[in-house]
Amino acid sequence: MRPEDIREFVRRQPFQPFRITLTDGRAYDVLHPDLAMVGRSIVAVGLPRPGDTEAIYDRLVTVAILHIMQIKPILSGAPPANGTG
């Protein structure tokens, strides 16, 4: 996975929420483009409080791009991930 690949998901217009799945099975949902910051080797993902609709994070996790196995759009009705495997 390249940083440019991830940035493409963040910048997509119109934005569609997406899920980052890691090699260890953990997954994090990016629900708003303001909640992901892509670097050369990591992605910082802001996790809002459950049920919060604002683009303000409650918790911040950093994910090594090396460990990102897959990025997929979140289908409506899909259960939230945010750290679960």
PDB file of N, CA and C in Angstrom:
ATOM      1  N   MET A   1       0.858  -1.181   0.000  1.00  0.00           N
ATOM      2  CA  MET A   1       0.000   0.000   0.000  1.00  0.00           C
ATOM      3  C   MET A   1       0.898   1.235   0.000  1.00  0.00           C
ATOM      4  N   ARG A   2       0.520   2.201  -0.799  1.00  0.00           N
ATOM      5  CA  ARG A   2       1.280   3.454  -0.880  1.00  0.00           C
ATOM      6  C   ARG A   2       0.469   4.585  -0.236  1.00  0.00           C
ATOM      7  N   PRO A   3       1.146   5.606   0.310  1.00  0.00           N
ATOM      8  CA  PRO A   3       0.411   6.734   0.890  1.00  0.00           C
ATOM      9  C   PRO A   3      -0.554   7.363  -0.110  1.00  0.00           C
ATOM     10  N   GLU A   4      -0.163   7.407  -1.379  1.00  0.00           N
ATOM     11  CA  GLU A   4      -1.020   7.998  -2.410  1.00  0.00           C
ATOM     12  C   GLU A   4      -2.335   7.234  -2.561  1.00  0.00           C
ATOM     13  N   ASP A   5      -2.279   5.911  -2.383  1.00  0.00           N
ATOM     14  CA  ASP A   5      -3.489   5.091  -2.480  1.00  0.00           C
ATOM     15  C   ASP A   5      -4.480   5.463  -1.373  1.00  0.00           C
ATOM     16  N   ILE A   6      -3.954   5.673  -0.184  1.00  0.00           N
ATOM     17  CA  ILE A   6      -4.807   6.023   0.951  1.00  0.00           C
ATOM     18  C   ILE A   6      -5.343   7.443   0.783  1.00  0.00           C
ATOM     19  N   ARG A   7      -4.485   8.334   0.360  1.00  0.00           N
ATOM     20  CA  ARG A   7      -4.893   9.721   0.161  1.00  0.00           C
ATOM     21  C   ARG A   7      -6.016   9.821  -0.871  1.00  0.00           C
ATOM     22  N   GLU A   8      -5.999   8.942  -1.851  1.00  0.00           N
ATOM     23  CA  GLU A   8      -7.062   8.918  -2.858  1.00  0.00           C
ATOM     24  C   GLU A   8      -8.430   8.658  -2.216  1.00  0.00           C
ATOM     25  N   PHE A   9      -8.481   7.764  -1.236  1.00  0.00           N
ATOM     26  CA  PHE A   9      -9.735   7.505  -0.524  1.00  0.00           C
ATOM     27  C   PHE A   9     -10.152   8.723   0.292  1.00  0.00           C
ATOM     28  N   VAL A  10      -9.191   9.389   0.928  1.00  0.00           N
ATOM     29  CA  VAL A  10      -9.497  10.546   1.768  1.00  0.00           C
ATOM     30  C   VAL A  10     -10.025  11.706   0.932  1.00  0.00           C
ATOM     31  N   ARG A  11      -9.483  11.891  -0.253  1.00  0.00           N
ATOM     32  CA  ARG A  11      -9.839  13.047  -1.097  1.00  0.00           C
ATOM     33  C   ARG A  11     -10.987  12.790  -2.066  1.00  0.00           C
ATOM     34  N   ARG A  12     -11.486  11.585  -2.121  1.00  0.00           N
ATOM     35  CA  ARG A  12     -12.543  11.246  -3.076  1.00  0.00           C
ATOM     36  C   ARG A  12     -13.749  12.161  -2.904  1.00  0.00           C
ATOM     37  N   GLN A  13     -14.279  12.623  -4.040  1.00  0.00           N
ATOM     38  CA  GLN A  13     -15.460  13.507  -4.036  1.00  0.00           C
ATOM     39  C   GLN A  13     -16.592  12.852  -4.814  1.00  0.00           C
ATOM     40  N   PRO A  14     -17.749  12.675  -4.264  1.00  0.00           N
ATOM     41  CA  PRO A  14     -18.036  12.962  -2.854  1.00  0.00           C
ATOM     42  C   PRO A  14     -17.358  11.930  -1.954  1.00  0.00           C
ATOM     43  N   PHE A  15     -17.052  12.348  -0.748  1.00  0.00           N
ATOM     44  CA  PHE A  15     -16.380  11.462   0.197  1.00  0.00           C
ATOM     45  C   PHE A  15     -17.280  10.291   0.530  1.00  0.00           C
ATOM     46  N   GLN A  16     -16.677   9.108   0.584  1.00  0.00           N
ATOM     47  CA  GLN A  16     -17.389   7.911   1.033  1.00  0.00           C
ATOM     48  C   GLN A  16     -16.595   7.308   2.181  1.00  0.00           C
ATOM     49  N   PRO A  17     -17.239   7.105   3.338  1.00  0.00           N
ATOM     50  CA  PRO A  17     -16.526   6.504   4.468  1.00  0.00           C
ATOM     51  C   PRO A  17     -15.870   5.184   4.052  1.00  0.00           C
ATOM     52  N   PHE A  18     -14.709   4.892   4.668  1.00  0.00           N
ATOM     53  CA  PHE A  18     -14.002   3.667   4.313  1.00  0.00           C
ATOM     54  C   PHE A  18     -13.401   3.014   5.544  1.00  0.00           C
ATOM     55  N   ARG A  19     -13.074   1.740   5.391  1.00  0.00           N
ATOM     56  CA  ARG A  19     -12.513   0.938   6.478  1.00  0.00           C
ATOM     57  C   ARG A  19     -11.096   0.523   6.109  1.00  0.00           C
ATOM     58  N   ILE A  20     -10.176   0.743   7.046  1.00  0.00           N
ATOM     59  CA  ILE A  20      -8.794   0.301   6.907  1.00  0.00           C
ATOM     60  C   ILE A  20      -8.654  -0.988   7.715  1.00  0.00           C
ATOM     61  N   THR A  21      -8.235  -2.059   7.062  1.00  0.00           N
ATOM     62  CA  THR A  21      -8.036  -3.340   7.734  1.00  0.00           C
ATOM     63  C   THR A  21      -6.544  -3.637   7.782  1.00  0.00           C
ATOM     64  N   LEU A  22      -6.073  -4.014   8.975  1.00  0.00           N
ATOM     65  CA  LEU A  22      -4.652  -4.263   9.193  1.00  0.00           C
ATOM     66  C   LEU A  22      -4.321  -5.747   9.113  1.00  0.00           C
ATOM     67  N   THR A  23      -3.041  -6.039   9.005  1.00  0.00           N
ATOM     68  CA  THR A  23      -2.591  -7.424   8.891  1.00  0.00           C
ATOM     69  C   THR A  23      -2.926  -8.256  10.123  1.00  0.00           C
ATOM     70  N   ASP A  24      -3.086  -7.630  11.288  1.00  0.00           N
ATOM     71  CA  ASP A  24      -3.417  -8.381  12.508  1.00  0.00           C
ATOM     72  C   ASP A  24      -4.925  -8.524  12.723  1.00  0.00           C
ATOM     73  N   GLY A  25      -5.722  -8.057  11.755  1.00  0.00           N
ATOM     74  CA  GLY A  25      -7.175  -8.211  11.837  1.00  0.00           C
ATOM     75  C   GLY A  25      -7.906  -6.998  12.390  1.00  0.00           C
ATOM     76  N   ARG A  26      -7.189  -6.066  13.007  1.00  0.00           N
ATOM     77  CA  ARG A  26      -7.861  -4.857  13.488  1.00  0.00           C
ATOM     78  C   ARG A  26      -8.351  -4.048  12.300  1.00  0.00           C
ATOM     79  N   ALA A  27      -9.398  -3.262  12.540  1.00  0.00           N
ATOM     80  CA  ALA A  27      -9.940  -2.416  11.478  1.00  0.00           C
ATOM     81  C   ALA A  27     -10.366  -1.086  12.076  1.00  0.00           C
ATOM     82  N   TYR A  28     -10.214  -0.033  11.287  1.00  0.00           N
ATOM     83  CA  TYR A  28     -10.598   1.307  11.713  1.00  0.00           C
ATOM     84  C   TYR A  28     -11.417   1.961  10.612  1.00  0.00           C
ATOM     85  N   ASP A  29     -12.510   2.587  11.020  1.00  0.00           N
ATOM     86  CA  ASP A  29     -13.378   3.280  10.070  1.00  0.00           C
ATOM     87  C   ASP A  29     -13.002   4.757  10.010  1.00  0.00           C
ATOM     88  N   VAL A  30     -12.900   5.273   8.793  1.00  0.00           N
ATOM     89  CA  VAL A  30     -12.688   6.703   8.575  1.00  0.00           C
ATOM     90  C   VAL A  30     -14.023   7.239   8.084  1.00  0.00           C
ATOM     91  N   LEU A  31     -14.706   8.006   8.938  1.00  0.00           N
ATOM     92  CA  LEU A  31     -16.068   8.436   8.662  1.00  0.00           C
ATOM     93  C   LEU A  31     -16.160   9.827   8.057  1.00  0.00           C
ATOM     94  N   HIS A  32     -15.040  10.560   8.062  1.00  0.00           N
ATOM     95  CA  HIS A  32     -15.025  11.921   7.526  1.00  0.00           C
ATOM     96  C   HIS A  32     -13.594  12.212   7.078  1.00  0.00           C
ATOM     97  N   PRO A  33     -13.402  12.945   5.981  1.00  0.00           N
ATOM     98  CA  PRO A  33     -12.035  13.190   5.509  1.00  0.00           C
ATOM     99  C   PRO A  33     -11.162  13.953   6.503  1.00  0.00           C
ATOM    100  N   ASP A  34     -11.764  14.722   7.398  1.00  0.00           N
ATOM    101  CA  ASP A  34     -10.983  15.447   8.406  1.00  0.00           C
ATOM    102  C   ASP A  34     -10.438  14.522   9.490  1.00  0.00           C
ATOM    103  N   LEU A  35     -10.857  13.256   9.491  1.00  0.00           N
ATOM    104  CA  LEU A  35     -10.444  12.326  10.534  1.00  0.00           C
ATOM    105  C   LEU A  35      -9.337  11.383  10.088  1.00  0.00           C
ATOM    106  N   ALA A  36      -8.645  11.710   8.992  1.00  0.00           N
ATOM    107  CA  ALA A  36      -7.497  10.915   8.551  1.00  0.00           C
ATOM    108  C   ALA A  36      -6.402  11.842   8.054  1.00  0.00           C
ATOM    109  N   MET A  37      -5.207  11.595   8.525  1.00  0.00           N
ATOM    110  CA  MET A  37      -4.058  12.366   8.071  1.00  0.00           C
ATOM    111  C   MET A  37      -3.003  11.364   7.606  1.00  0.00           C
ATOM    112  N   VAL A  38      -2.660  11.475   6.317  1.00  0.00           N
ATOM    113  CA  VAL A  38      -1.763  10.507   5.685  1.00  0.00           C
ATOM    114  C   VAL A  38      -0.337  11.047   5.683  1.00  0.00           C
ATOM    115  N   GLY A  39       0.576  10.239   6.207  1.00  0.00           N
ATOM    116  CA  GLY A  39       1.996  10.566   6.175  1.00  0.00           C
ATOM    117  C   GLY A  39       2.728   9.591   5.262  1.00  0.00           C
ATOM    118  N   ARG A  40       4.030   9.694   5.229  1.00  0.00           N
ATOM    119  CA  ARG A  40       4.818   8.807   4.363  1.00  0.00           C
ATOM    120  C   ARG A  40       4.790   7.360   4.837  1.00  0.00           C
ATOM    121  N   SER A  41       4.756   7.146   6.155  1.00  0.00           N
ATOM    122  CA  SER A  41       4.798   5.772   6.659  1.00  0.00           C
ATOM    123  C   SER A  41       3.671   5.434   7.634  1.00  0.00           C
ATOM    124  N   ILE A  42       2.886   6.431   8.031  1.00  0.00           N
ATOM    125  CA  ILE A  42       1.763   6.173   8.944  1.00  0.00           C
ATOM    126  C   ILE A  42       0.524   6.932   8.488  1.00  0.00           C
ATOM    127  N   VAL A  43      -0.602   6.473   9.009  1.00  0.00           N
ATOM    128  CA  VAL A  43      -1.868   7.185   8.858  1.00  0.00           C
ATOM    129  C   VAL A  43      -2.387   7.425  10.263  1.00  0.00           C
ATOM    130  N   ALA A  44      -2.721   8.662  10.582  1.00  0.00           N
ATOM    131  CA  ALA A  44      -3.351   8.994  11.855  1.00  0.00           C
ATOM    132  C   ALA A  44      -4.860   8.991  11.613  1.00  0.00           C
ATOM    133  N   VAL A  45      -5.563   8.180  12.393  1.00  0.00           N
ATOM    134  CA  VAL A  45      -7.012   8.048  12.238  1.00  0.00           C
ATOM    135  C   VAL A  45      -7.682   8.559  13.505  1.00  0.00           C
ATOM    136  N   GLY A  46      -8.544   9.545  13.343  1.00  0.00           N
ATOM    137  CA  GLY A  46      -9.303  10.083  14.469  1.00  0.00           C
ATOM    138  C   GLY A  46     -10.578   9.284  14.641  1.00  0.00           C
ATOM    139  N   LEU A  47     -10.817   8.821  15.857  1.00  0.00           N
ATOM    140  CA  LEU A  47     -12.001   8.018  16.150  1.00  0.00           C
ATOM    141  C   LEU A  47     -12.972   8.818  17.009  1.00  0.00           C
ATOM    142  N   PRO A  48     -14.138   9.146  16.470  1.00  0.00           N
ATOM    143  CA  PRO A  48     -15.121   9.886  17.265  1.00  0.00           C
ATOM    144  C   PRO A  48     -15.759   8.989  18.323  1.00  0.00           C
ATOM    145  N   ARG A  49     -16.415   9.614  19.282  1.00  0.00           N
ATOM    146  CA  ARG A  49     -17.176   8.840  20.264  1.00  0.00           C
ATOM    147  C   ARG A  49     -18.286   8.078  19.561  1.00  0.00           C
ATOM    148  N   PRO A  50     -18.649   6.893  20.039  1.00  0.00           N
ATOM    149  CA  PRO A  50     -19.744   6.146  19.418  1.00  0.00           C
ATOM    150  C   PRO A  50     -21.012   6.997  19.348  1.00  0.00           C
ATOM    151  N   GLY A  51     -21.606   7.043  18.171  1.00  0.00           N
ATOM    152  CA  GLY A  51     -22.838   7.794  17.976  1.00  0.00           C
ATOM    153  C   GLY A  51     -22.635   9.267  17.684  1.00  0.00           C
ATOM    154  N   ASP A  52     -21.402   9.763  17.790  1.00  0.00           N
ATOM    155  CA  ASP A  52     -21.122  11.174  17.529  1.00  0.00           C
ATOM    156  C   ASP A  52     -21.106  11.413  16.025  1.00  0.00           C
ATOM    157  N   THR A  53     -21.834  12.422  15.569  1.00  0.00           N
ATOM    158  CA  THR A  53     -21.913  12.702  14.133  1.00  0.00           C
ATOM    159  C   THR A  53     -20.971  13.821  13.694  1.00  0.00           C
ATOM    160  N   GLU A  54     -20.315  14.478  14.630  1.00  0.00           N
ATOM    161  CA  GLU A  54     -19.382  15.552  14.284  1.00  0.00           C
ATOM    162  C   GLU A  54     -18.022  14.977  13.897  1.00  0.00           C
ATOM    163  N   ALA A  55     -17.295  15.711  13.058  1.00  0.00           N
ATOM    164  CA  ALA A  55     -15.964  15.291  12.629  1.00  0.00           C
ATOM    165  C   ALA A  55     -14.917  15.737  13.645  1.00  0.00           C
ATOM    166  N   ILE A  56     -15.133  15.342  14.900  1.00  0.00           N
ATOM    167  CA  ILE A  56     -14.213  15.663  15.988  1.00  0.00           C
ATOM    168  C   ILE A  56     -13.844  14.336  16.644  1.00  0.00           C
ATOM    169  N   TYR A  57     -12.539  14.078  16.744  1.00  0.00           N
ATOM    170  CA  TYR A  57     -12.153  12.791  17.297  1.00  0.00           C
ATOM    171  C   TYR A  57     -12.072  12.821  18.816  1.00  0.00           C
ATOM    172  N   ASP A  58     -12.346  11.654  19.391  1.00  0.00           N
ATOM    173  CA  ASP A  58     -12.254  11.435  20.822  1.00  0.00           C
ATOM    174  C   ASP A  58     -10.940  10.731  21.146  1.00  0.00           C
ATOM    175  N   ARG A  59     -10.478   9.938  20.175  1.00  0.00           N
ATOM    176  CA  ARG A  59      -9.266   9.138  20.340  1.00  0.00           C
ATOM    177  C   ARG A  59      -8.520   9.137  19.008  1.00  0.00           C
ATOM    178  N   LEU A  60      -7.205   9.106  19.060  1.00  0.00           N
ATOM    179  CA  LEU A  60      -6.387   9.120  17.855  1.00  0.00           C
ATOM    180  C   LEU A  60      -5.503   7.882  17.855  1.00  0.00           C
ATOM    181  N   VAL A  61      -5.506   7.150  16.729  1.00  0.00           N
ATOM    182  CA  VAL A  61      -4.625   5.996  16.588  1.00  0.00           C
ATOM    183  C   VAL A  61      -3.715   6.236  15.383  1.00  0.00           C
ATOM    184  N   THR A  62      -2.495   5.735  15.477  1.00  0.00           N
ATOM    185  CA  THR A  62      -1.591   5.796  14.338  1.00  0.00           C
ATOM    186  C   THR A  62      -1.406   4.385  13.809  1.00  0.00           C
ATOM    187  N   VAL A  63      -1.475   4.280  12.503  1.00  0.00           N
ATOM    188  CA  VAL A  63      -1.415   2.988  11.830  1.00  0.00           C
ATOM    189  C   VAL A  63      -0.232   3.019  10.869  1.00  0.00           C
ATOM    190  N   ALA A  64       0.636   2.026  10.956  1.00  0.00           N
ATOM    191  CA  ALA A  64       1.755   1.925  10.020  1.00  0.00           C
ATOM    192  C   ALA A  64       1.212   1.481   8.659  1.00  0.00           C
ATOM    193  N   ILE A  65       1.540   2.228   7.628  1.00  0.00           N
ATOM    194  CA  ILE A  65       1.062   1.894   6.282  1.00  0.00           C
ATOM    195  C   ILE A  65       1.515   0.495   5.892  1.00  0.00           C
ATOM    196  N   LEU A  66       2.663   0.085   6.366  1.00  0.00           N
ATOM    197  CA  LEU A  66       3.184  -1.244   6.098  1.00  0.00           C
ATOM    198  C   LEU A  66       2.202  -2.337   6.524  1.00  0.00           C
ATOM    199  N   HIS A  67       1.390  -2.066   7.549  1.00  0.00           N
ATOM    200  CA  HIS A  67       0.466  -3.063   8.090  1.00  0.00           C
ATOM    201  C   HIS A  67      -0.954  -2.952   7.527  1.00  0.00           C
ATOM    202  N   ILE A  68      -1.181  -2.025   6.610  1.00  0.00           N
ATOM    203  CA  ILE A  68      -2.513  -1.920   6.019  1.00  0.00           C
ATOM    204  C   ILE A  68      -2.653  -2.990   4.946  1.00  0.00           C
ATOM    205  N   MET A  69      -3.626  -3.860   5.162  1.00  0.00           N
ATOM    206  CA  MET A  69      -3.852  -4.962   4.250  1.00  0.00           C
ATOM    207  C   MET A  69      -4.870  -4.592   3.181  1.00  0.00           C
ATOM    208  N   GLN A  70      -5.871  -3.792   3.582  1.00  0.00           N
ATOM    209  CA  GLN A  70      -6.954  -3.485   2.651  1.00  0.00           C
ATOM    210  C   GLN A  70      -7.671  -2.218   3.059  1.00  0.00           C
ATOM    211  N   ILE A  71      -8.182  -1.507   2.060  1.00  0.00           N
ATOM    212  CA  ILE A  71      -9.051  -0.358   2.286  1.00  0.00           C
ATOM    213  C   ILE A  71     -10.276  -0.565   1.421  1.00  0.00           C
ATOM    214  N   LYS A  72     -11.447  -0.489   2.059  1.00  0.00           N
ATOM    215  CA  LYS A  72     -12.695  -0.694   1.324  1.00  0.00           C
ATOM    216  C   LYS A  72     -13.726   0.328   1.760  1.00  0.00           C
ATOM    217  N   PRO A  73     -14.577   0.769   0.832  1.00  0.00           N
ATOM    218  CA  PRO A  73     -15.685   1.646   1.228  1.00  0.00           C
ATOM    219  C   PRO A  73     -16.587   0.913   2.229  1.00  0.00           C
ATOM    220  N   ILE A  74     -17.164   1.676   3.141  1.00  0.00           N
ATOM    221  CA  ILE A  74     -18.094   1.098   4.122  1.00  0.00           C
ATOM    222  C   ILE A  74     -19.481   1.096   3.493  1.00  0.00           C
ATOM    223  N   LEU A  75     -20.080  -0.061   3.465  1.00  0.00           N
ATOM    224  CA  LEU A  75     -21.441  -0.175   2.945  1.00  0.00           C
ATOM    225  C   LEU A  75     -22.400   0.279   4.025  1.00  0.00           C
ATOM    226  N   SER A  76     -23.482   0.917   3.634  1.00  0.00           N
ATOM    227  CA  SER A  76     -24.457   1.366   4.628  1.00  0.00           C
ATOM    228  C   SER A  76     -25.006   0.162   5.377  1.00  0.00           C
ATOM    229  N   GLY A  77     -25.138   0.312   6.665  1.00  0.00           N
ATOM    230  CA  GLY A  77     -25.630  -0.763   7.515  1.00  0.00           C
ATOM    231  C   GLY A  77     -24.531  -1.674   8.045  1.00  0.00           C
ATOM    232  N   ALA A  78     -23.273  -1.449   7.641  1.00  0.00           N
ATOM    233  CA  ALA A  78     -22.172  -2.271   8.140  1.00  0.00           C
ATOM    234  C   ALA A  78     -21.890  -1.905   9.593  1.00  0.00           C
ATOM    235  N   PRO A  79     -21.601  -2.905  10.434  1.00  0.00           N
ATOM    236  CA  PRO A  79     -21.291  -2.615  11.838  1.00  0.00           C
ATOM    237  C   PRO A  79     -19.978  -1.841  11.942  1.00  0.00           C
ATOM    238  N   PRO A  80     -19.840  -0.950  12.935  1.00  0.00           N
ATOM    239  CA  PRO A  80     -18.597  -0.190  13.089  1.00  0.00           C
ATOM    240  C   PRO A  80     -17.427  -1.092  13.455  1.00  0.00           C
ATOM    241  N   ALA A  81     -16.218  -0.695  13.045  1.00  0.00           N
ATOM    242  CA  ALA A  81     -15.025  -1.488  13.330  1.00  0.00           C
ATOM    243  C   ALA A  81     -14.242  -0.867  14.467  1.00  0.00           C
ATOM    244  N   ASN A  82     -13.538   0.193  14.204  1.00  0.00           N
ATOM    245  CA  ASN A  82     -12.704   0.962  15.115  1.00  0.00           C
ATOM    246  C   ASN A  82     -11.989   0.177  16.211  1.00  0.00           C
ATOM    247  N   GLY A  83     -11.058  -0.653  15.706  1.00  0.00           N
ATOM    248  CA  GLY A  83     -10.164  -1.355  16.590  1.00  0.00           C
ATOM    249  C   GLY A  83     -10.518  -2.806  16.821  1.00  0.00           C
ATOM    250  N   THR A  84     -11.673  -3.210  16.376  1.00  0.00           N
ATOM    251  CA  THR A  84     -12.068  -4.605  16.605  1.00  0.00           C
ATOM    252  C   THR A  84     -11.605  -5.458  15.443  1.00  0.00           C
ATOM    253  N   GLY A  85     -11.510  -6.730  15.684  1.00  0.00           N
ATOM    254  CA  GLY A  85     -11.049  -7.626  14.639  1.00  0.00           C
ATOM    255  C   GLY A  85     -12.046  -8.662  14.272  1.00  0.00           C
TER     256      GLY A  85
END
